[in-house]
PDB file of N, CA and C in Angstrom:
ATOM      1  N   MET A   1      83.756 131.618 118.489  1.00  0.00           N
ATOM      2  CA  MET A   1      84.510 131.415 118.371  1.00  0.00           C
ATOM      3  C   MET A   1      85.086 130.325 119.313  1.00  0.00           C
ATOM      4  N   ALA A   2      85.744 129.168 119.034  1.00  0.00           N
ATOM      5  CA  ALA A   2      86.562 128.811 120.377  1.00  0.00           C
ATOM      6  C   ALA A   2      88.012 128.717 119.710  1.00  0.00           C
ATOM      7  N   LYS A   3      88.948 129.548 120.576  1.00  0.00           N
ATOM      8  CA  LYS A   3      90.229 129.636 120.688  1.00  0.00           C
ATOM      9  C   LYS A   3      91.097 128.076 121.182  1.00  0.00           C
ATOM     10  N   THR A   4      92.366 127.992 119.776  1.00  0.00           N
ATOM     11  CA  THR A   4      92.891 126.249 120.446  1.00  0.00           C
ATOM     12  C   THR A   4      94.174 126.991 120.870  1.00  0.00           C
ATOM     13  N   SER A   5      94.672 126.341 121.525  1.00  0.00           N
ATOM     14  CA  SER A   5      96.365 127.019 121.841  1.00  0.00           C
ATOM     15  C   SER A   5      96.908 125.519 121.571  1.00  0.00           C
ATOM     16  N   ALA A   6      98.203 125.395 120.362  1.00  0.00           N
ATOM     17  CA  ALA A   6      98.928 124.309 120.499  1.00  0.00           C
ATOM     18  C   ALA A   6      99.763 124.890 121.270  1.00  0.00           C
ATOM     19  N   ALA A   7     100.298 123.759 121.244  1.00  0.00           N
ATOM     20  CA  ALA A   7     101.262 123.745 122.508  1.00  0.00           C
ATOM     21  C   ALA A   7     102.820 123.737 121.884  1.00  0.00           C
ATOM     22  N   PRO A   8     103.663 125.015 122.344  1.00  0.00           N
ATOM     23  CA  PRO A   8     104.876 124.892 121.291  1.00  0.00           C
ATOM     24  C   PRO A   8     105.616 123.964 120.920  1.00  0.00           C
ATOM     25  N   ALA A   9     105.864 124.187 119.703  1.00  0.00           N
ATOM     26  CA  ALA A   9     107.060 123.402 119.415  1.00  0.00           C
ATOM     27  C   ALA A   9     108.159 122.657 120.212  1.00  0.00           C
ATOM     28  N   LEU A  10     108.419 121.498 120.384  1.00  0.00           N
ATOM     29  CA  LEU A  10     110.070 121.460 121.442  1.00  0.00           C
ATOM     30  C   LEU A  10     110.754 121.810 120.327  1.00  0.00           C
ATOM     31  N   SER A  11     112.299 122.117 120.683  1.00  0.00           N
ATOM     32  CA  SER A  11     113.662 122.502 119.964  1.00  0.00           C
ATOM     33  C   SER A  11     113.896 121.257 119.824  1.00  0.00           C
ATOM     34  N   SER A  12     114.420 120.745 118.853  1.00  0.00           N
ATOM     35  CA  SER A  12     115.126 119.536 118.571  1.00  0.00           C
ATOM     36  C   SER A  12     116.019 119.257 119.586  1.00  0.00           C
ATOM     37  N   PHE A  13     116.727 120.174 119.901  1.00  0.00           N
ATOM     38  CA  PHE A  13     117.671 119.829 121.570  1.00  0.00           C
ATOM     39  C   PHE A  13     116.878 119.290 122.705  1.00  0.00           C
ATOM     40  N   ALA A  14     115.487 119.534 122.409  1.00  0.00           N
ATOM     41  CA  ALA A  14     114.562 119.206 123.675  1.00  0.00           C
ATOM     42  C   ALA A  14     114.482 118.152 123.427  1.00  0.00           C
ATOM     43  N   VAL A  15     114.206 117.680 122.301  1.00  0.00           N
ATOM     44  CA  VAL A  15     113.489 116.200 121.507  1.00  0.00           C
ATOM     45  C   VAL A  15     114.589 115.536 121.939  1.00  0.00           C
ATOM     46  N   MET A  16     115.849 115.646 121.761  1.00  0.00           N
ATOM     47  CA  MET A  16     116.679 114.889 121.928  1.00  0.00           C
ATOM     48  C   MET A  16     117.138 114.639 123.248  1.00  0.00           C
ATOM     49  N   GLY A  17     116.959 115.709 123.987  1.00  0.00           N
ATOM     50  CA  GLY A  17     117.420 115.232 125.733  1.00  0.00           C
ATOM     51  C   GLY A  17     116.017 115.233 126.245  1.00  0.00           C
ATOM     52  N   THR A  18     115.018 115.119 125.942  1.00  0.00           N
ATOM     53  CA  THR A  18     114.255 114.308 126.450  1.00  0.00           C
ATOM     54  C   THR A  18     114.261 112.345 126.231  1.00  0.00           C
ATOM     55  N   ARG A  19     114.610 112.161 124.695  1.00  0.00           N
ATOM     56  CA  ARG A  19     115.040 111.074 124.411  1.00  0.00           C
ATOM     57  C   ARG A  19     116.603 110.156 125.645  1.00  0.00           C
ATOM     58  N   VAL A  20     117.425 111.419 125.453  1.00  0.00           N
ATOM     59  CA  VAL A  20     118.367 110.527 125.733  1.00  0.00           C
ATOM     60  C   VAL A  20     117.378 110.098 127.826  1.00  0.00           C
ATOM     61  N   GLN A  21     117.185 111.212 128.306  1.00  0.00           N
ATOM     62  CA  GLN A  21     116.481 111.602 129.068  1.00  0.00           C
ATOM     63  C   GLN A  21     116.115 110.294 130.114  1.00  0.00           C
ATOM     64  N   LYS A  22     115.172 109.478 128.943  1.00  0.00           N
ATOM     65  CA  LYS A  22     114.675 108.447 129.436  1.00  0.00           C
ATOM     66  C   LYS A  22     115.596 106.973 129.194  1.00  0.00           C
ATOM     67  N   ILE A  23     116.195 107.080 128.605  1.00  0.00           N
ATOM     68  CA  ILE A  23     117.666 106.042 128.517  1.00  0.00           C
ATOM     69  C   ILE A  23     118.307 105.612 129.962  1.00  0.00           C
ATOM     70  N   ILE A  24     118.899 106.954 130.135  1.00  0.00           N
ATOM     71  CA  ILE A  24     119.541 107.488 131.339  1.00  0.00           C
ATOM     72  C   ILE A  24     117.831 107.363 132.958  1.00  0.00           C
ATOM     73  N   ASN A  25     117.156 106.906 132.677  1.00  0.00           N
ATOM     74  CA  ASN A  25     116.284 106.777 133.730  1.00  0.00           C
ATOM     75  C   ASN A  25     115.546 105.610 133.946  1.00  0.00           C
ATOM     76  N   GLY A  26     115.969 104.943 132.941  1.00  0.00           N
ATOM     77  CA  GLY A  26     115.371 103.741 132.622  1.00  0.00           C
ATOM     78  C   GLY A  26     115.909 102.762 133.808  1.00  0.00           C
ATOM     79  N   THR A  27     115.335 101.982 133.890  1.00  0.00           N
ATOM     80  CA  THR A  27     115.578 100.778 134.854  1.00  0.00           C
ATOM     81  C   THR A  27     116.725  99.761 135.223  1.00  0.00           C
ATOM     82  N   ASN A  28     117.140  99.691 134.159  1.00  0.00           N
ATOM     83  CA  ASN A  28     118.825  99.026 133.917  1.00  0.00           C
ATOM     84  C   ASN A  28     119.708 100.486 133.869  1.00  0.00           C
ATOM     85  N   ALA A  29     119.176 100.865 133.459  1.00  0.00           N
ATOM     86  CA  ALA A  29     120.587 101.950 133.348  1.00  0.00           C
ATOM     87  C   ALA A  29     120.320 102.401 135.045  1.00  0.00           C
ATOM     88  N   GLN A  30     119.391 102.649 135.726  1.00  0.00           N
ATOM     89  CA  GLN A  30     120.035 103.471 136.970  1.00  0.00           C
ATOM     90  C   GLN A  30     120.144 101.886 137.880  1.00  0.00           C
ATOM     91  N   LYS A  31     119.728 100.827 137.637  1.00  0.00           N
ATOM     92  CA  LYS A  31     120.442  99.745 138.265  1.00  0.00           C
ATOM     93  C   LYS A  31     121.858  99.693 138.502  1.00  0.00           C
ATOM     94  N   SER A  32     122.481  99.598 137.046  1.00  0.00           N
ATOM     95  CA  SER A  32     124.054  99.739 136.629  1.00  0.00           C
ATOM     96  C   SER A  32     124.547 100.816 136.487  1.00  0.00           C
ATOM     97  N   LYS A  33     123.662 102.516 136.856  1.00  0.00           N
ATOM     98  CA  LYS A  33     124.569 103.754 136.870  1.00  0.00           C
ATOM     99  C   LYS A  33     125.179 103.625 136.201  1.00  0.00           C
ATOM    100  N   SER A  34     125.076 102.707 134.225  1.00  0.00           N
ATOM    101  CA  SER A  34     125.279 102.997 133.844  1.00  0.00           C
ATOM    102  C   SER A  34     124.178 103.121 132.110  1.00  0.00           C
ATOM    103  N   ALA A  35     124.709 104.095 130.816  1.00  0.00           N
ATOM    104  CA  ALA A  35     123.919 103.788 130.375  1.00  0.00           C
ATOM    105  C   ALA A  35     124.442 104.160 128.737  1.00  0.00           C
ATOM    106  N   LEU A  36     123.561 103.469 127.575  1.00  0.00           N
ATOM    107  CA  LEU A  36     124.474 103.587 126.756  1.00  0.00           C
ATOM    108  C   LEU A  36     123.542 105.023 125.554  1.00  0.00           C
ATOM    109  N   ILE A  37     124.360 105.520 124.708  1.00  0.00           N
ATOM    110  CA  ILE A  37     123.836 106.276 124.086  1.00  0.00           C
ATOM    111  C   ILE A  37     124.119 106.545 123.319  1.00  0.00           C
ATOM    112  N   PHE A  38     123.744 106.805 121.237  1.00  0.00           N
ATOM    113  CA  PHE A  38     123.424 107.417 120.612  1.00  0.00           C
ATOM    114  C   PHE A  38     123.035 108.412 120.173  1.00  0.00           C
ATOM    115  N   LYS A  39     123.791 108.886 118.695  1.00  0.00           N
ATOM    116  CA  LYS A  39     123.083 109.961 118.407  1.00  0.00           C
ATOM    117  C   LYS A  39     122.304 109.410 116.984  1.00  0.00           C
ATOM    118  N   LEU A  40     121.182 110.030 116.960  1.00  0.00           N
ATOM    119  CA  LEU A  40     119.966 109.410 115.970  1.00  0.00           C
ATOM    120  C   LEU A  40     120.689 109.868 114.662  1.00  0.00           C
ATOM    121  N   PRO A  41     120.644 109.298 113.172  1.00  0.00           N
ATOM    122  CA  PRO A  41     120.682 110.340 112.508  1.00  0.00           C
ATOM    123  C   PRO A  41     120.096 111.387 111.489  1.00  0.00           C
ATOM    124  N   GLN A  42     119.245 111.737 112.524  1.00  0.00           N
ATOM    125  CA  GLN A  42     117.976 113.064 112.179  1.00  0.00           C
ATOM    126  C   GLN A  42     118.682 114.188 113.098  1.00  0.00           C
ATOM    127  N   GLU A  43     119.664 113.365 114.182  1.00  0.00           N
ATOM    128  CA  GLU A  43     120.234 114.833 115.538  1.00  0.00           C
ATOM    129  C   GLU A  43     121.255 115.345 114.710  1.00  0.00           C
ATOM    130  N   SER A  44     121.301 116.993 115.102  1.00  0.00           N
ATOM    131  CA  SER A  44     121.540 117.576 114.465  1.00  0.00           C
ATOM    132  C   SER A  44     123.572 117.044 115.332  1.00  0.00           C
ATOM    133  N   ASP A  45     124.104 117.193 114.507  1.00  0.00           N
ATOM    134  CA  ASP A  45     126.032 117.031 115.141  1.00  0.00           C
ATOM    135  C   ASP A  45     125.867 118.322 116.216  1.00  0.00           C
ATOM    136  N   ASP A  46     125.572 119.492 116.073  1.00  0.00           N
ATOM    137  CA  ASP A  46     126.056 120.875 117.419  1.00  0.00           C
ATOM    138  C   ASP A  46     124.918 120.030 118.411  1.00  0.00           C
ATOM    139  N   ASP A  47     123.545 120.119 118.492  1.00  0.00           N
ATOM    140  CA  ASP A  47     123.300 119.543 119.136  1.00  0.00           C
ATOM    141  C   ASP A  47     123.174 118.459 119.800  1.00  0.00           C
ATOM    142  N   TRP A  48     123.853 117.156 119.753  1.00  0.00           N
ATOM    143  CA  TRP A  48     124.492 116.253 120.554  1.00  0.00           C
ATOM    144  C   TRP A  48     125.329 116.840 121.470  1.00  0.00           C
ATOM    145  N   GLY A  49     126.392 117.477 120.410  1.00  0.00           N
ATOM    146  CA  GLY A  49     127.736 117.886 120.982  1.00  0.00           C
ATOM    147  C   GLY A  49     127.310 118.864 122.185  1.00  0.00           C
ATOM    148  N   ASN A  50     126.476 119.509 122.015  1.00  0.00           N
ATOM    149  CA  ASN A  50     125.977 120.197 122.930  1.00  0.00           C
ATOM    150  C   ASN A  50     125.258 119.696 124.594  1.00  0.00           C
ATOM    151  N   LEU A  51     124.819 118.687 124.344  1.00  0.00           N
ATOM    152  CA  LEU A  51     124.369 117.640 125.094  1.00  0.00           C
ATOM    153  C   LEU A  51     125.597 116.974 125.555  1.00  0.00           C
ATOM    154  N   LEU A  52     126.007 116.966 125.156  1.00  0.00           N
ATOM    155  CA  LEU A  52     127.240 116.072 125.551  1.00  0.00           C
ATOM    156  C   LEU A  52     128.260 116.527 126.589  1.00  0.00           C
ATOM    157  N   GLU A  53     128.392 118.248 126.668  1.00  0.00           N
ATOM    158  CA  GLU A  53     128.574 118.917 126.728  1.00  0.00           C
ATOM    159  C   GLU A  53     127.707 119.140 128.025  1.00  0.00           C
ATOM    160  N   GLU A  54     126.687 119.083 128.121  1.00  0.00           N
ATOM    161  CA  GLU A  54     125.850 119.172 129.313  1.00  0.00           C
ATOM    162  C   GLU A  54     125.927 118.295 130.522  1.00  0.00           C
ATOM    163  N   ILE A  55     126.083 116.893 129.886  1.00  0.00           N
ATOM    164  CA  ILE A  55     126.059 115.524 130.314  1.00  0.00           C
ATOM    165  C   ILE A  55     127.357 115.494 131.404  1.00  0.00           C
ATOM    166  N   ALA A  56     128.364 116.284 130.308  1.00  0.00           N
ATOM    167  CA  ALA A  56     130.050 116.086 130.926  1.00  0.00           C
ATOM    168  C   ALA A  56     130.052 117.392 132.373  1.00  0.00           C
ATOM    169  N   GLU A  57     129.608 118.310 132.422  1.00  0.00           N
ATOM    170  CA  GLU A  57     129.429 118.874 133.250  1.00  0.00           C
ATOM    171  C   GLU A  57     129.299 118.805 133.884  1.00  0.00           C
ATOM    172  N   ASN A  58     128.005 117.562 134.947  1.00  0.00           N
ATOM    173  CA  ASN A  58     127.366 117.137 135.706  1.00  0.00           C
ATOM    174  C   ASN A  58     128.787 116.776 137.016  1.00  0.00           C
ATOM    175  N   ASP A  59     128.398 116.742 138.107  1.00  0.00           N
ATOM    176  CA  ASP A  59     129.780 116.231 138.835  1.00  0.00           C
ATOM    177  C   ASP A  59     129.733 114.903 138.933  1.00  0.00           C
ATOM    178  N   ASN A  60     130.564 113.429 138.739  1.00  0.00           N
ATOM    179  CA  ASN A  60     130.446 112.173 138.980  1.00  0.00           C
ATOM    180  C   ASN A  60     129.615 111.725 137.890  1.00  0.00           C
ATOM    181  N   VAL A  61     129.991 111.614 136.494  1.00  0.00           N
ATOM    182  CA  VAL A  61     129.033 111.656 135.500  1.00  0.00           C
ATOM    183  C   VAL A  61     131.183 111.662 134.796  1.00  0.00           C
ATOM    184  N   THR A  62     131.132 110.422 134.255  1.00  0.00           N
ATOM    185  CA  THR A  62     131.988 110.192 133.356  1.00  0.00           C
ATOM    186  C   THR A  62     131.657 109.747 132.074  1.00  0.00           C
ATOM    187  N   LEU A  63     132.197 110.758 130.553  1.00  0.00           N
ATOM    188  CA  LEU A  63     131.958 109.869 129.685  1.00  0.00           C
ATOM    189  C   LEU A  63     132.912 108.624 128.921  1.00  0.00           C
ATOM    190  N   ALA A  64     132.395 107.649 127.820  1.00  0.00           N
ATOM    191  CA  ALA A  64     133.357 107.285 127.213  1.00  0.00           C
ATOM    192  C   ALA A  64     132.910 107.070 126.037  1.00  0.00           C
ATOM    193  N   HIS A  65     134.090 107.529 125.056  1.00  0.00           N
ATOM    194  CA  HIS A  65     133.357 107.688 123.684  1.00  0.00           C
ATOM    195  C   HIS A  65     133.766 106.259 122.971  1.00  0.00           C
ATOM    196  N   ARG A  66     132.893 105.405 122.414  1.00  0.00           N
ATOM    197  CA  ARG A  66     133.140 103.968 121.904  1.00  0.00           C
ATOM    198  C   ARG A  66     133.535 104.130 120.634  1.00  0.00           C
ATOM    199  N   ASP A  67     134.005 103.016 119.697  1.00  0.00           N
ATOM    200  CA  ASP A  67     134.480 103.462 118.705  1.00  0.00           C
ATOM    201  C   ASP A  67     133.135 103.253 117.801  1.00  0.00           C
ATOM    202  N   ASP A  68     132.167 102.679 118.164  1.00  0.00           N
ATOM    203  CA  ASP A  68     130.798 102.570 117.158  1.00  0.00           C
ATOM    204  C   ASP A  68     129.708 103.820 117.199  1.00  0.00           C
ATOM    205  N   GLY A  69     130.591 104.797 117.500  1.00  0.00           N
ATOM    206  CA  GLY A  69     129.972 106.068 117.866  1.00  0.00           C
ATOM    207  C   GLY A  69     128.754 106.545 118.826  1.00  0.00           C
ATOM    208  N   GLY A  70     128.476 105.302 119.768  1.00  0.00           N
ATOM    209  CA  GLY A  70     127.995 105.804 120.690  1.00  0.00           C
ATOM    210  C   GLY A  70     129.029 106.083 122.198  1.00  0.00           C
ATOM    211  N   VAL A  71     128.101 106.594 123.258  1.00  0.00           N
ATOM    212  CA  VAL A  71     128.889 107.275 124.036  1.00  0.00           C
ATOM    213  C   VAL A  71     128.471 106.367 125.671  1.00  0.00           C
ATOM    214  N   GLN A  72     129.320 106.167 126.514  1.00  0.00           N
ATOM    215  CA  GLN A  72     128.730 105.016 127.555  1.00  0.00           C
ATOM    216  C   GLN A  72     128.895 106.175 128.475  1.00  0.00           C
ATOM    217  N   LEU A  73     127.951 106.517 129.585  1.00  0.00           N
ATOM    218  CA  LEU A  73     127.474 107.234 131.001  1.00  0.00           C
ATOM    219  C   LEU A  73     127.885 106.328 131.699  1.00  0.00           C
ATOM    220  N   PHE A  74     128.586 106.743 132.773  1.00  0.00           N
ATOM    221  CA  PHE A  74     128.432 106.347 133.639  1.00  0.00           C
ATOM    222  C   PHE A  74     128.590 107.476 135.036  1.00  0.00           C
ATOM    223  N   TRP A  75     127.763 107.087 136.091  1.00  0.00           N
ATOM    224  CA  TRP A  75     127.711 107.654 137.850  1.00  0.00           C
ATOM    225  C   TRP A  75     127.765 107.083 139.030  1.00  0.00           C
ATOM    226  N   THR A  76     127.987 107.162 139.905  1.00  0.00           N
ATOM    227  CA  THR A  76     127.615 107.263 140.713  1.00  0.00           C
ATOM    228  C   THR A  76     126.874 108.180 141.803  1.00  0.00           C
ATOM    229  N   VAL A  77     126.622 108.096 142.711  1.00  0.00           N
ATOM    230  CA  VAL A  77     125.838 109.016 143.405  1.00  0.00           C
ATOM    231  C   VAL A  77     126.426 108.799 145.396  1.00  0.00           C
ATOM    232  N   PRO A  78     127.356 110.152 145.526  1.00  0.00           N
ATOM    233  CA  PRO A  78     127.234 110.400 146.792  1.00  0.00           C
ATOM    234  C   PRO A  78     126.702 110.273 148.106  1.00  0.00           C
ATOM    235  N   LYS A  79     127.435 109.659 148.335  1.00  0.00           N
ATOM    236  CA  LYS A  79     127.177 108.940 149.241  1.00  0.00           C
ATOM    237  C   LYS A  79     126.339 110.789 150.857  1.00  0.00           C
ATOM    238  N   GLU A  80     125.690 110.550 150.798  1.00  0.00           N
ATOM    239  CA  GLU A  80     124.923 111.843 152.317  1.00  0.00           C
ATOM    240  C   GLU A  80     125.745 111.735 153.385  1.00  0.00           C
ATOM    241  N   ASP A  81     126.223 112.670 154.317  1.00  0.00           N
ATOM    242  CA  ASP A  81     126.748 113.140 154.937  1.00  0.00           C
ATOM    243  C   ASP A  81     126.395 112.736 156.362  1.00  0.00           C
TER     244      ASP A  81
END
């Protein structure tokens, strides 16, 4: 009998993090060093808050909360010495 190993399901936080990471790593976002992200209706408010906290902890990153519910991320890349 063959064993089948199912990959462990990602948490809702991990799924959301992967989605936002793809936006941030997109070509246009990398060129402009900015990205606009939104919480999807099916995503948890707690997960969204935790994700924004984690992003805000990074040096050289600014979060701007917009009236439409989006969050604009801006970042700078420090110059190497």
